[in-house]
PDB file of all heavy atoms in Angstrom:
ATOM      1  N   VAL A   1       0.838  -1.214  -0.003  1.00  0.00           N
ATOM      2  CA  VAL A   1      -0.006  -0.010   0.016  1.00  0.00           C
ATOM      3  C   VAL A   1       0.880   1.236   0.007  1.00  0.00           C
ATOM      4  O   VAL A   1       0.633   2.193  -0.779  1.00  0.00           O
ATOM      5  CB  VAL A   1      -0.929  -0.010   1.207  1.00  0.00           C
ATOM      6  CG1 VAL A   1      -1.611   1.374   1.393  1.00  0.00           C
ATOM      7  CG2 VAL A   1      -1.987  -1.117   1.101  1.00  0.00           C
ATOM      8  N   TYR A   2       1.879   1.275   0.856  1.00  0.00           N
ATOM      9  CA  TYR A   2       2.829   2.356   0.935  1.00  0.00           C
ATOM     10  C   TYR A   2       3.502   2.630  -0.378  1.00  0.00           C
ATOM     11  O   TYR A   2       3.601   3.824  -0.826  1.00  0.00           O
ATOM     12  CB  TYR A   2       3.875   2.041   2.028  1.00  0.00           C
ATOM     13  CG  TYR A   2       5.039   2.940   2.140  1.00  0.00           C
ATOM     14  CD1 TYR A   2       4.907   4.202   2.660  1.00  0.00           C
ATOM     15  CD2 TYR A   2       6.279   2.461   1.754  1.00  0.00           C
ATOM     16  CE1 TYR A   2       5.977   5.052   2.794  1.00  0.00           C
ATOM     17  CE2 TYR A   2       7.399   3.324   1.916  1.00  0.00           C
ATOM     18  CZ  TYR A   2       7.234   4.610   2.385  1.00  0.00           C
ATOM     19  OH  TYR A   2       8.332   5.453   2.539  1.00  0.00           O
ATOM     20  N   GLU A   3       3.979   1.604  -1.061  1.00  0.00           N
ATOM     21  CA  GLU A   3       4.707   1.772  -2.307  1.00  0.00           C
ATOM     22  C   GLU A   3       3.698   2.262  -3.419  1.00  0.00           C
ATOM     23  O   GLU A   3       4.113   3.098  -4.259  1.00  0.00           O
ATOM     24  CB  GLU A   3       5.304   0.413  -2.746  1.00  0.00           C
ATOM     25  CG  GLU A   3       6.539   0.076  -1.908  1.00  0.00           C
ATOM     26  CD  GLU A   3       6.943  -1.384  -2.093  1.00  0.00           C
ATOM     27  OE1 GLU A   3       6.069  -2.222  -2.446  1.00  0.00           O
ATOM     28  OE2 GLU A   3       8.082  -1.671  -1.833  1.00  0.00           O
ATOM     29  N   ASN A   4       2.477   1.712  -3.350  1.00  0.00           N
ATOM     30  CA  ASN A   4       1.482   2.272  -4.358  1.00  0.00           C
ATOM     31  C   ASN A   4       1.193   3.698  -4.205  1.00  0.00           C
ATOM     32  O   ASN A   4       1.095   4.451  -5.161  1.00  0.00           O
ATOM     33  CB  ASN A   4       0.161   1.465  -4.228  1.00  0.00           C
ATOM     34  CG  ASN A   4       0.080   0.199  -5.081  1.00  0.00           C
ATOM     35  OD1 ASN A   4      -0.239   0.315  -6.259  1.00  0.00           O
ATOM     36  ND2 ASN A   4       0.454  -0.929  -4.530  1.00  0.00           N
ATOM     37  N   LEU A   5       1.075   4.155  -2.974  1.00  0.00           N
ATOM     38  CA  LEU A   5       0.868   5.566  -2.723  1.00  0.00           C
ATOM     39  C   LEU A   5       2.005   6.418  -3.167  1.00  0.00           C
ATOM     40  O   LEU A   5       1.856   7.460  -3.857  1.00  0.00           O
ATOM     41  CB  LEU A   5       0.628   5.840  -1.228  1.00  0.00           C
ATOM     42  CG  LEU A   5      -0.714   5.283  -0.641  1.00  0.00           C
ATOM     43  CD1 LEU A   5      -0.758   5.486   0.852  1.00  0.00           C
ATOM     44  CD2 LEU A   5      -1.928   6.027  -1.309  1.00  0.00           C
ATOM     45  N   LEU A   6       3.242   5.964  -2.855  1.00  0.00           N
ATOM     46  CA  LEU A   6       4.424   6.732  -3.259  1.00  0.00           C
ATOM     47  C   LEU A   6       4.504   6.891  -4.783  1.00  0.00           C
ATOM     48  O   LEU A   6       4.896   7.927  -5.255  1.00  0.00           O
ATOM     49  CB  LEU A   6       5.683   6.061  -2.743  1.00  0.00           C
ATOM     50  CG  LEU A   6       6.010   6.222  -1.284  1.00  0.00           C
ATOM     51  CD1 LEU A   6       7.266   5.419  -0.915  1.00  0.00           C
ATOM     52  CD2 LEU A   6       6.237   7.702  -0.967  1.00  0.00           C
ATOM     53  N   LEU A   7       4.139   5.860  -5.500  1.00  0.00           N
ATOM     54  CA  LEU A   7       4.276   5.872  -6.963  1.00  0.00           C
ATOM     55  C   LEU A   7       3.443   6.953  -7.606  1.00  0.00           C
ATOM     56  O   LEU A   7       3.744   7.454  -8.694  1.00  0.00           O
ATOM     57  CB  LEU A   7       3.891   4.501  -7.551  1.00  0.00           C
ATOM     58  CG  LEU A   7       4.968   3.430  -7.547  1.00  0.00           C
ATOM     59  CD1 LEU A   7       4.390   2.080  -7.994  1.00  0.00           C
ATOM     60  CD2 LEU A   7       6.086   3.823  -8.464  1.00  0.00           C
ATOM     61  N   PHE A   8       2.256   7.265  -6.939  1.00  0.00           N
ATOM     62  CA  PHE A   8       1.397   8.225  -7.600  1.00  0.00           C
ATOM     63  C   PHE A   8       1.582   9.675  -7.072  1.00  0.00           C
ATOM     64  O   PHE A   8       0.797  10.539  -7.398  1.00  0.00           O
ATOM     65  CB  PHE A   8      -0.028   7.755  -7.366  1.00  0.00           C
ATOM     66  CG  PHE A   8      -0.408   6.517  -8.217  1.00  0.00           C
ATOM     67  CD1 PHE A   8      -0.442   5.294  -7.611  1.00  0.00           C
ATOM     68  CD2 PHE A   8      -0.638   6.693  -9.557  1.00  0.00           C
ATOM     69  CE1 PHE A   8      -0.698   4.190  -8.366  1.00  0.00           C
ATOM     70  CE2 PHE A   8      -0.936   5.572 -10.327  1.00  0.00           C
ATOM     71  CZ  PHE A   8      -0.954   4.303  -9.750  1.00  0.00           C
ATOM     72  N   GLY A   9       2.606   9.905  -6.312  1.00  0.00           N
ATOM     73  CA  GLY A   9       2.898  11.252  -5.880  1.00  0.00           C
ATOM     74  C   GLY A   9       3.375  12.085  -7.068  1.00  0.00           C
ATOM     75  O   GLY A   9       3.958  11.612  -8.060  1.00  0.00           O
ATOM     76  N   ASP A  10       3.066  13.373  -7.047  1.00  0.00           N
ATOM     77  CA  ASP A  10       3.458  14.276  -8.119  1.00  0.00           C
ATOM     78  C   ASP A  10       4.936  14.686  -7.975  1.00  0.00           C
ATOM     79  O   ASP A  10       5.525  14.597  -6.910  1.00  0.00           O
ATOM     80  CB  ASP A  10       2.545  15.516  -8.154  1.00  0.00           C
ATOM     81  CG  ASP A  10       2.624  16.292  -6.877  1.00  0.00           C
ATOM     82  OD1 ASP A  10       2.857  15.694  -5.799  1.00  0.00           O
ATOM     83  OD2 ASP A  10       2.472  17.557  -6.909  1.00  0.00           O
ATOM     84  N   ARG A  11       5.518  15.180  -9.059  1.00  0.00           N
ATOM     85  CA  ARG A  11       6.868  15.644  -9.071  1.00  0.00           C
ATOM     86  C   ARG A  11       7.892  14.661  -8.531  1.00  0.00           C
ATOM     87  O   ARG A  11       8.612  14.979  -7.632  1.00  0.00           O
ATOM     88  CB  ARG A  11       6.987  17.058  -8.377  1.00  0.00           C
ATOM     89  CG  ARG A  11       6.181  18.134  -8.995  1.00  0.00           C
ATOM     90  CD  ARG A  11       6.431  19.439  -8.425  1.00  0.00           C
ATOM     91  NE  ARG A  11       5.973  19.570  -7.076  1.00  0.00           N
ATOM     92  CZ  ARG A  11       6.775  19.742  -6.039  1.00  0.00           C
ATOM     93  NH1 ARG A  11       8.054  19.792  -6.131  1.00  0.00           N
ATOM     94  NH2 ARG A  11       6.235  19.846  -4.798  1.00  0.00           N
ATOM     95  N   GLN A  12       7.856  13.462  -9.089  1.00  0.00           N
ATOM     96  CA  GLN A  12       8.735  12.395  -8.660  1.00  0.00           C
ATOM     97  C   GLN A  12      10.190  12.712  -9.044  1.00  0.00           C
ATOM     98  O   GLN A  12      10.457  12.825 -10.227  1.00  0.00           O
ATOM     99  CB  GLN A  12       8.283  11.064  -9.247  1.00  0.00           C
ATOM    100  CG  GLN A  12       7.009  10.546  -8.772  1.00  0.00           C
ATOM    101  CD  GLN A  12       7.054   9.787  -7.444  1.00  0.00           C
ATOM    102  OE1 GLN A  12       8.159   9.661  -6.863  1.00  0.00           O
ATOM    103  NE2 GLN A  12       5.993   9.312  -6.943  1.00  0.00           N
ATOM    104  N   PRO A  13      11.144  12.773  -8.139  1.00  0.00           N
ATOM    105  CA  PRO A  13      12.525  13.104  -8.511  1.00  0.00           C
ATOM    106  C   PRO A  13      13.165  11.988  -9.300  1.00  0.00           C
ATOM    107  O   PRO A  13      14.088  12.207 -10.095  1.00  0.00           O
ATOM    108  CB  PRO A  13      13.210  13.297  -7.184  1.00  0.00           C
ATOM    109  CG  PRO A  13      12.436  12.541  -6.152  1.00  0.00           C
ATOM    110  CD  PRO A  13      10.983  12.702  -6.639  1.00  0.00           C
ATOM    111  N   GLY A  14      12.718  10.761  -9.128  1.00  0.00           N
ATOM    112  CA  GLY A  14      13.342   9.610  -9.841  1.00  0.00           C
ATOM    113  C   GLY A  14      12.878   9.377 -11.262  1.00  0.00           C
ATOM    114  O   GLY A  14      13.341   8.492 -11.957  1.00  0.00           O
ATOM    115  N   GLU A  15      11.979  10.288 -11.742  1.00  0.00           N
ATOM    116  CA  GLU A  15      11.459  10.150 -13.084  1.00  0.00           C
ATOM    117  C   GLU A  15      12.507  10.548 -14.142  1.00  0.00           C
ATOM    118  O   GLU A  15      12.384  10.248 -15.327  1.00  0.00           O
ATOM    119  CB  GLU A  15      10.222  10.964 -13.304  1.00  0.00           C
ATOM    120  CG  GLU A  15       8.968  10.336 -12.526  1.00  0.00           C
ATOM    121  CD  GLU A  15       7.709  11.186 -12.708  1.00  0.00           C
ATOM    122  OE1 GLU A  15       7.805  12.291 -13.253  1.00  0.00           O
ATOM    123  OE2 GLU A  15       6.688  10.672 -12.286  1.00  0.00           O
ATOM    124  N   ARG A  16      13.521  11.289 -13.716  1.00  0.00           N
ATOM    125  CA  ARG A  16      14.602  11.708 -14.582  1.00  0.00           C
ATOM    126  C   ARG A  16      15.873  10.977 -14.224  1.00  0.00           C
ATOM    127  O   ARG A  16      16.213  10.923 -12.997  1.00  0.00           O
ATOM    128  CB  ARG A  16      14.801  13.228 -14.531  1.00  0.00           C
ATOM    129  CG  ARG A  16      13.585  14.002 -14.989  1.00  0.00           C
ATOM    130  CD  ARG A  16      13.700  15.463 -14.701  1.00  0.00           C
ATOM    131  NE  ARG A  16      14.803  16.091 -15.438  1.00  0.00           N
ATOM    132  CZ  ARG A  16      15.205  17.343 -15.369  1.00  0.00           C
ATOM    133  NH1 ARG A  16      14.524  18.163 -14.534  1.00  0.00           N
ATOM    134  NH2 ARG A  16      16.201  17.788 -16.044  1.00  0.00           N
ATOM    135  N   ALA A  17      16.533  10.343 -15.156  1.00  0.00           N
ATOM    136  CA  ALA A  17      17.726   9.561 -14.867  1.00  0.00           C
ATOM    137  C   ALA A  17      18.781  10.320 -14.100  1.00  0.00           C
ATOM    138  O   ALA A  17      19.405   9.793 -13.156  1.00  0.00           O
ATOM    139  CB  ALA A  17      18.300   8.969 -16.145  1.00  0.00           C
ATOM    140  N   SER A  18      19.001  11.568 -14.487  1.00  0.00           N
ATOM    141  CA  SER A  18      20.065  12.379 -13.837  1.00  0.00           C
ATOM    142  C   SER A  18      19.764  12.551 -12.328  1.00  0.00           C
ATOM    143  O   SER A  18      20.644  12.414 -11.510  1.00  0.00           O
ATOM    144  CB  SER A  18      20.238  13.708 -14.550  1.00  0.00           C
ATOM    145  OG  SER A  18      18.975  14.476 -14.512  1.00  0.00           O
ATOM    146  N   ALA A  19      18.502  12.877 -12.042  1.00  0.00           N
ATOM    147  CA  ALA A  19      18.112  13.092 -10.608  1.00  0.00           C
ATOM    148  C   ALA A  19      18.154  11.824  -9.842  1.00  0.00           C
ATOM    149  O   ALA A  19      18.621  11.797  -8.678  1.00  0.00           O
ATOM    150  CB  ALA A  19      16.725  13.704 -10.550  1.00  0.00           C
ATOM    151  N   ALA A  20      17.807  10.665 -10.496  1.00  0.00           N
ATOM    152  CA  ALA A  20      17.815   9.393  -9.777  1.00  0.00           C
ATOM    153  C   ALA A  20      19.271   8.947  -9.498  1.00  0.00           C
ATOM    154  O   ALA A  20      19.501   8.369  -8.435  1.00  0.00           O
ATOM    155  CB  ALA A  20      17.134   8.339 -10.592  1.00  0.00           C
ATOM    156  N   LEU A  21      20.169   9.285 -10.362  1.00  0.00           N
ATOM    157  CA  LEU A  21      21.575   8.821 -10.158  1.00  0.00           C
ATOM    158  C   LEU A  21      22.339   9.790  -9.282  1.00  0.00           C
ATOM    159  O   LEU A  21      23.135   9.356  -8.433  1.00  0.00           O
ATOM    160  CB  LEU A  21      22.292   8.762 -11.513  1.00  0.00           C
ATOM    161  CG  LEU A  21      21.795   7.684 -12.460  1.00  0.00           C
ATOM    162  CD1 LEU A  21      22.407   7.760 -13.844  1.00  0.00           C
ATOM    163  CD2 LEU A  21      22.135   6.278 -11.861  1.00  0.00           C
ATOM    164  N   MET A  22      22.107  11.100  -9.402  1.00  0.00           N
ATOM    165  CA  MET A  22      22.911  12.076  -8.651  1.00  0.00           C
ATOM    166  C   MET A  22      22.456  12.170  -7.203  1.00  0.00           C
ATOM    167  O   MET A  22      23.241  12.500  -6.296  1.00  0.00           O
ATOM    168  CB  MET A  22      22.792  13.429  -9.287  1.00  0.00           C
ATOM    169  CG  MET A  22      23.353  13.509 -10.701  1.00  0.00           C
ATOM    170  SD  MET A  22      25.153  13.181 -10.737  1.00  0.00           S
ATOM    171  CE  MET A  22      25.770  14.580  -9.817  1.00  0.00           C
ATOM    172  N   ARG A  23      21.153  11.893  -6.949  1.00  0.00           N
ATOM    173  CA  ARG A  23      20.657  11.942  -5.580  1.00  0.00           C
ATOM    174  C   ARG A  23      20.892  13.286  -4.918  1.00  0.00           C
ATOM    175  O   ARG A  23      21.516  13.400  -3.831  1.00  0.00           O
ATOM    176  CB  ARG A  23      21.199  10.805  -4.719  1.00  0.00           C
ATOM    177  CG  ARG A  23      20.990   9.447  -5.301  1.00  0.00           C
ATOM    178  CD  ARG A  23      19.525   8.975  -5.102  1.00  0.00           C
ATOM    179  NE  ARG A  23      19.297   8.678  -3.716  1.00  0.00           N
ATOM    180  CZ  ARG A  23      18.083   8.390  -3.305  1.00  0.00           C
ATOM    181  NH1 ARG A  23      17.011   8.466  -4.081  1.00  0.00           N
ATOM    182  NH2 ARG A  23      17.879   8.129  -1.982  1.00  0.00           N
ATOM    183  N   SER A  24      20.505  14.302  -5.581  1.00  0.00           N
ATOM    184  CA  SER A  24      20.803  15.702  -5.109  1.00  0.00           C
ATOM    185  C   SER A  24      20.021  15.994  -3.855  1.00  0.00           C
ATOM    186  O   SER A  24      19.085  15.254  -3.441  1.00  0.00           O
ATOM    187  CB  SER A  24      20.408  16.727  -6.194  1.00  0.00           C
ATOM    188  OG  SER A  24      19.001  16.691  -6.366  1.00  0.00           O
ATOM    189  N   THR A  25      20.357  17.091  -3.173  1.00  0.00           N
ATOM    190  CA  THR A  25      19.667  17.437  -1.946  1.00  0.00           C
ATOM    191  C   THR A  25      18.196  17.703  -2.251  1.00  0.00           C
ATOM    192  O   THR A  25      17.347  17.388  -1.483  1.00  0.00           O
ATOM    193  CB  THR A  25      20.309  18.722  -1.373  1.00  0.00           C
ATOM    194  OG1 THR A  25      21.718  18.463  -1.048  1.00  0.00           O
ATOM    195  CG2 THR A  25      19.610  19.171  -0.109  1.00  0.00           C
ATOM    196  N   ALA A  26      17.910  18.351  -3.378  1.00  0.00           N
ATOM    197  CA  ALA A  26      16.524  18.671  -3.769  1.00  0.00           C
ATOM    198  C   ALA A  26      15.754  17.370  -3.979  1.00  0.00           C
ATOM    199  O   ALA A  26      14.626  17.268  -3.566  1.00  0.00           O
ATOM    200  CB  ALA A  26      16.491  19.516  -4.993  1.00  0.00           C
TER     201      ALA A  26
END
């Protein structure tokens, strides 16, 4: 349930490869 909710959050940082790999503070 928790993972399903997380998946549908808006403005997901992991949707872009660079953000997912760099793991920036933002």
